[in-house]
Amino acid sequence: MADSLKRISAEKFTSWLDRLSERREVFFPRPGEPDWVFERWEAGGCFEVSPYRALESVKSFLFPSRSRVADFPADQTGLPPLRETVVAGLKACDLRCLPVLDYIFLQGDHREPFYARRRESLTLISFDCTGFKETCFCPIVGGAPHPDTGFDLNFSPWGDDFLVEIGSEKGRALMEEAGDLFTAAPLSAAAARRDARQGVESALRAQLSAQGQIEKAPSAAVVRSRSEDGFWKKEAVPCVECGACNLVCPTCHCFILEEAGTAESAARWRNWD
């Protein structure tokens, strides 16, 4: 959006998360084992900004690995209320999965009601990457270690403060709700943010070059044209169907339905497949 950048101090950012958690479920990455994981924010907590994405994908907030989708006899009260959820600390690569999931579950002949409700109740707060792992590769696929779109609010570290960009009307409303916690950033802040972003991206590109990685991923047409290459068989043979790829990939959307119950009642569950 065309708004100028806002700023908020780290101390006020903690207060803001506390306020949000009074009426919403708020999740923020925490350093864990073996890496960063999303945890529910508790009022009065401390935070660290993850330099790169957490292990879990935002997919798990929209399309849980296991969810109850029907009951027999049918529940006539309709779908239960869904509390608003804020997921903070997302990265650019997290946001890239959303157009795919939205296309699958919201477009076409049928809108998937469970996904639609979660999507509407979810607020997305992203952060610029300040570092990267040896496995990061976003520039190869046309991305960057900072978000350009898809967020409601985006935060960029700036000294002891954060620079904040509004990405949607939902984000604007959330900022207005915060009152005076957010203030206008100086005009020089945009250039400082640009320089910081370019520094991280240049360092990542240097790492990719040192690893001997290609500069740009092949097109989908090229990949399809080589679908019979022996490479794929070599990779598939040792597969033990552990499901790890399903857990890691933010765009996997296949599921299987399971029924369980008694002669009097039953429930239908949807599980990742």
Protein backbone atom coordinates (compact mmCIF):
# COMPACT_ATOMS: atom_id res chain seq x y z
CA MET A 1 0.00 0.00 0.00
CA ALA A 2 1.12 3.59 -0.53
CA ASP A 3 1.28 4.55 3.17
CA SER A 4 4.50 5.92 4.59
CA LEU A 5 6.42 3.72 7.02
CA LYS A 6 5.57 3.71 10.71
CA ARG A 7 7.86 2.88 13.61
CA ILE A 8 7.52 1.14 16.96
CA SER A 9 10.10 0.46 19.64
CA ALA A 10 10.90 -3.07 20.79
CA GLU A 11 9.44 -2.27 24.22
CA LYS A 12 6.19 -0.99 22.75
CA PHE A 13 6.10 -3.96 20.38
CA THR A 14 5.94 -6.29 23.41
CA SER A 15 3.11 -4.18 24.86
CA TRP A 16 1.31 -4.38 21.53
CA LEU A 17 1.52 -8.18 21.47
CA ASP A 18 0.15 -8.22 25.02
CA ARG A 19 -2.81 -6.11 23.92
CA LEU A 20 -3.47 -8.28 20.90
CA SER A 21 -3.46 -11.44 23.03
CA GLU A 22 -6.26 -10.10 25.24
CA ARG A 23 -8.86 -10.75 22.54
CA ARG A 24 -7.02 -12.93 20.05
CA GLU A 25 -4.85 -16.00 19.77
CA VAL A 26 -1.35 -14.70 19.05
CA PHE A 27 1.56 -16.86 17.87
CA PHE A 28 5.20 -15.84 17.61
CA PRO A 29 8.36 -17.86 16.82
CA ARG A 30 10.53 -19.00 19.72
CA PRO A 31 13.99 -20.53 19.53
CA GLY A 32 13.52 -24.25 20.08
CA GLU A 33 15.09 -27.60 19.33
CA PRO A 34 16.17 -28.08 16.60
CA ASP A 35 15.08 -24.64 15.37
CA TRP A 36 12.53 -21.84 15.63
CA VAL A 37 8.94 -22.92 16.31
CA PHE A 38 5.66 -21.03 16.70
CA GLU A 39 4.30 -20.79 20.22
CA ARG A 40 1.31 -19.02 21.72
CA TRP A 41 2.20 -15.59 23.03
CA GLU A 42 1.62 -15.13 26.75
CA ALA A 43 1.19 -11.64 28.18
CA GLY A 44 4.37 -10.33 29.75
CA GLY A 45 6.55 -12.58 27.63
CA CYS A 46 9.86 -11.76 25.98
CA PHE A 47 10.57 -12.08 22.30
CA GLU A 48 13.42 -12.61 19.89
CA VAL A 49 13.07 -12.00 16.17
CA SER A 50 13.94 -15.10 14.19
CA PRO A 51 16.52 -14.38 11.46
CA TYR A 52 14.82 -16.84 9.09
CA ARG A 53 11.55 -18.77 8.90
CA ALA A 54 10.28 -21.09 11.62
CA LEU A 55 10.01 -24.83 11.09
CA GLU A 56 6.22 -24.82 10.78
CA SER A 57 4.49 -23.35 7.79
CA VAL A 58 1.58 -20.95 8.01
CA LYS A 59 -0.34 -23.76 6.32
CA SER A 60 -0.87 -25.44 9.69
CA PHE A 61 -2.91 -22.44 10.89
CA LEU A 62 -5.21 -22.57 7.86
CA PHE A 63 -5.30 -26.27 7.03
CA PRO A 64 -4.54 -28.26 10.23
CA SER A 65 -2.99 -31.70 9.92
CA ARG A 66 -6.09 -33.19 11.55
CA SER A 67 -9.50 -31.55 11.92
CA ARG A 68 -13.08 -32.62 12.61
CA VAL A 69 -15.30 -31.76 9.65
CA ALA A 70 -18.63 -33.54 10.28
CA ASP A 71 -20.74 -35.31 12.91
CA PHE A 72 -23.53 -37.85 12.77
CA PRO A 73 -26.22 -37.18 13.80
CA ALA A 74 -25.61 -33.79 12.25
CA ASP A 75 -25.05 -30.86 14.58
CA GLN A 76 -27.84 -28.37 13.85
CA THR A 77 -26.17 -25.45 15.63
CA GLY A 78 -23.80 -24.75 12.74
CA LEU A 79 -20.09 -24.09 12.89
CA PRO A 80 -18.79 -22.97 16.31
CA PRO A 81 -17.36 -19.47 16.74
CA LEU A 82 -13.75 -19.12 15.65
CA ARG A 83 -11.45 -16.84 17.64
CA GLU A 84 -9.38 -14.36 15.64
CA THR A 85 -5.77 -15.49 15.25
CA VAL A 86 -2.64 -13.39 14.70
CA VAL A 87 0.49 -15.12 13.41
CA ALA A 88 3.53 -12.88 13.75
CA GLY A 89 7.08 -13.55 12.61
CA LEU A 90 6.21 -14.94 9.19
CA LYS A 91 8.78 -14.58 6.40
CA ALA A 92 8.50 -13.90 2.69
CA CYS A 93 8.73 -17.59 1.80
CA ASP A 94 5.87 -18.37 4.21
CA LEU A 95 3.62 -15.91 2.43
CA ARG A 96 4.42 -17.37 -0.99
CA CYS A 97 2.30 -20.45 -0.22
CA LEU A 98 -0.92 -18.51 0.30
CA PRO A 99 -1.87 -17.88 -3.37
CA VAL A 100 -1.57 -21.62 -3.99
CA LEU A 101 -3.69 -22.62 -0.99
CA ASP A 102 -6.23 -19.87 -1.72
CA TYR A 103 -6.54 -21.11 -5.29
CA ILE A 104 -7.15 -24.69 -4.15
CA PHE A 105 -9.59 -24.02 -1.32
CA LEU A 106 -11.31 -20.74 -2.22
CA GLN A 107 -11.54 -20.56 -6.00
CA GLY A 108 -13.46 -22.71 -8.45
CA ASP A 109 -16.92 -24.20 -8.04
CA HIS A 110 -16.75 -24.70 -4.27
CA ARG A 111 -15.25 -22.70 -1.40
CA GLU A 112 -13.94 -24.96 1.33
CA PRO A 113 -15.81 -23.57 4.38
CA PHE A 114 -13.31 -24.57 7.07
CA TYR A 115 -10.36 -23.04 5.23
CA ALA A 116 -12.38 -19.93 4.36
CA ARG A 117 -13.29 -19.28 8.00
CA ARG A 118 -9.71 -19.68 9.18
CA ARG A 119 -8.41 -17.49 6.36
CA GLU A 120 -10.84 -14.70 7.21
CA SER A 121 -10.00 -14.85 10.93
CA LEU A 122 -6.22 -14.90 10.38
CA THR A 123 -4.00 -11.81 10.53
CA LEU A 124 -0.57 -12.15 8.92
CA ILE A 125 2.34 -10.20 10.42
CA SER A 126 5.60 -10.73 8.56
CA PHE A 127 9.21 -9.77 9.27
CA ASP A 128 12.22 -9.20 7.05
CA CYS A 129 14.87 -11.91 7.25
CA THR A 130 18.02 -10.69 8.96
CA GLY A 131 19.95 -13.88 8.23
CA PHE A 132 19.62 -17.21 6.46
CA LYS A 133 20.49 -20.87 6.71
CA GLU A 134 22.78 -22.87 4.44
CA THR A 135 19.64 -24.30 2.77
CA CYS A 136 17.93 -20.98 1.92
CA PHE A 137 17.46 -20.31 -1.81
CA CYS A 138 14.66 -17.76 -2.33
CA PRO A 139 16.49 -15.69 -5.01
CA ILE A 140 16.72 -18.77 -7.25
CA VAL A 141 12.92 -18.95 -7.49
CA GLY A 142 12.36 -15.22 -7.90
CA GLY A 143 11.92 -14.42 -4.22
CA ALA A 144 13.81 -12.29 -1.74
CA PRO A 145 14.52 -12.45 2.02
CA HIS A 146 11.90 -9.77 2.66
CA PRO A 147 8.17 -9.66 1.87
CA ASP A 148 6.73 -7.42 -0.83
CA THR A 149 3.12 -8.53 -0.66
CA GLY A 150 0.73 -10.93 1.06
CA PHE A 151 1.02 -9.51 4.59
CA ASP A 152 -1.30 -7.39 6.70
CA LEU A 153 1.65 -5.72 8.45
CA ASN A 154 5.37 -6.15 7.81
CA PHE A 155 8.11 -5.34 10.32
CA SER A 156 11.70 -4.49 9.42
CA PRO A 157 14.31 -4.29 12.22
CA TRP A 158 15.77 -0.77 12.45
CA GLY A 159 18.23 -0.36 15.30
CA ASP A 160 16.25 -0.83 18.51
CA ASP A 161 13.00 -0.14 16.67
CA PHE A 162 10.95 -1.67 13.87
CA LEU A 163 9.81 -0.04 10.66
CA VAL A 164 6.26 -1.08 9.85
CA GLU A 165 4.55 -1.26 6.46
CA ILE A 166 0.79 -1.61 6.09
CA GLY A 167 -0.20 -4.27 3.58
CA SER A 168 -4.00 -4.42 3.92
CA GLU A 169 -7.01 -2.70 5.43
CA LYS A 170 -6.99 -5.36 8.14
CA GLY A 171 -3.44 -4.34 9.00
CA ARG A 172 -4.39 -0.66 9.00
CA ALA A 173 -7.26 -1.33 11.42
CA LEU A 174 -4.95 -3.28 13.72
CA MET A 175 -2.48 -0.40 13.78
CA GLU A 176 -5.20 2.18 14.45
CA GLU A 177 -6.47 0.02 17.29
CA ALA A 178 -3.02 0.29 18.89
CA GLY A 179 -3.35 4.05 19.33
CA ASP A 180 -0.08 5.90 19.89
CA LEU A 181 2.16 2.81 20.02
CA PHE A 182 2.98 3.39 16.34
CA THR A 183 4.39 6.71 15.14
CA ALA A 184 5.53 8.08 11.80
CA ALA A 185 9.04 7.06 10.73
CA PRO A 186 11.46 9.68 9.36
CA LEU A 187 11.82 9.98 5.60
CA SER A 188 15.35 8.54 5.82
CA ALA A 189 13.99 5.25 7.17
CA ALA A 190 12.96 3.94 3.74
CA ALA A 191 16.53 4.20 2.43
CA ALA A 192 17.89 2.54 5.56
CA ARG A 193 15.45 -0.33 5.12
CA ARG A 194 16.38 -0.71 1.47
CA ASP A 195 20.09 -0.84 2.29
CA ALA A 196 19.56 -3.43 5.04
CA ARG A 197 17.47 -5.60 2.71
CA GLN A 198 20.02 -5.38 -0.08
CA GLY A 199 22.77 -6.36 2.34
CA VAL A 200 21.00 -9.56 3.40
CA GLU A 201 20.07 -10.48 -0.16
CA SER A 202 23.61 -9.87 -1.45
CA ALA A 203 25.07 -12.07 1.29
CA LEU A 204 22.57 -14.82 0.47
CA ARG A 205 23.36 -14.64 -3.25
CA ALA A 206 27.07 -14.87 -2.40
CA GLN A 207 26.39 -18.02 -0.38
CA LEU A 208 24.42 -19.58 -3.23
CA SER A 209 27.22 -18.77 -5.66
CA ALA A 210 29.80 -20.33 -3.34
CA GLN A 211 27.64 -23.45 -3.13
CA GLY A 212 27.62 -23.70 -6.93
CA GLN A 213 23.85 -23.20 -7.13
CA ILE A 214 22.12 -22.16 -10.34
CA GLU A 215 21.12 -18.49 -10.58
CA LYS A 216 17.54 -19.15 -11.68
CA ALA A 217 15.28 -22.18 -11.32
CA PRO A 218 14.14 -23.88 -14.55
CA SER A 219 10.61 -23.22 -15.73
CA ALA A 220 7.76 -25.62 -15.05
CA ALA A 221 7.81 -26.60 -18.74
CA VAL A 222 11.45 -27.66 -18.49
CA VAL A 223 10.75 -29.71 -15.37
CA ARG A 224 7.79 -31.45 -17.05
CA SER A 225 9.87 -32.21 -20.13
CA ARG A 226 12.30 -34.14 -17.94
CA SER A 227 9.73 -36.02 -15.86
CA GLU A 228 11.10 -39.37 -17.04
CA ASP A 229 14.70 -38.65 -16.07
CA GLY A 230 16.38 -41.27 -13.93
CA PHE A 231 16.98 -38.63 -11.26
CA TRP A 232 13.39 -38.92 -10.04
CA LYS A 233 13.54 -42.70 -9.70
CA LYS A 234 16.82 -42.43 -7.83
CA GLU A 235 15.21 -40.04 -5.36
CA ALA A 236 11.99 -42.07 -5.02
CA VAL A 237 13.51 -45.52 -4.39
CA PRO A 238 14.72 -44.83 -0.81
CA CYS A 239 11.39 -43.17 0.16
CA VAL A 240 9.85 -44.85 3.24
CA GLU A 241 6.65 -42.73 3.15
CA CYS A 242 7.42 -41.04 6.46
CA GLY A 243 5.37 -37.99 5.47
CA ALA A 244 8.11 -35.48 6.29
CA CYS A 245 7.77 -33.82 2.87
CA ASN A 246 4.07 -33.21 3.58
CA LEU A 247 4.90 -31.57 6.89
CA VAL A 248 7.65 -29.38 5.42
CA CYS A 249 6.05 -28.31 2.14
CA PRO A 250 3.78 -25.26 2.64
CA THR A 251 1.74 -25.94 -0.51
CA CYS A 252 0.89 -29.64 -0.08
CA HIS A 253 -2.88 -29.85 0.19
CA CYS A 254 -3.89 -33.50 -0.28
CA PHE A 255 -6.01 -35.01 2.46
CA ILE A 256 -7.89 -38.18 3.33
CA LEU A 257 -11.21 -38.49 5.18
CA GLU A 258 -11.59 -40.87 8.11
CA GLU A 259 -14.76 -41.89 9.98
CA ALA A 260 -14.79 -43.11 13.58
CA GLY A 261 -17.58 -43.70 16.07
CA THR A 262 -20.24 -46.06 17.36
CA ALA A 263 -23.64 -47.27 16.18
CA GLU A 264 -25.22 -44.16 17.71
CA SER A 265 -22.82 -41.45 16.62
CA ALA A 266 -19.80 -40.86 14.46
CA ALA A 267 -17.37 -38.15 13.42
CA ARG A 268 -15.57 -37.49 10.18
CA TRP A 269 -11.98 -36.29 10.34
CA ARG A 270 -9.80 -34.79 7.68
CA ASN A 271 -6.10 -35.72 7.82
CA TRP A 272 -3.15 -34.66 5.73
CA ASP A 273 -2.30 -37.41 3.24
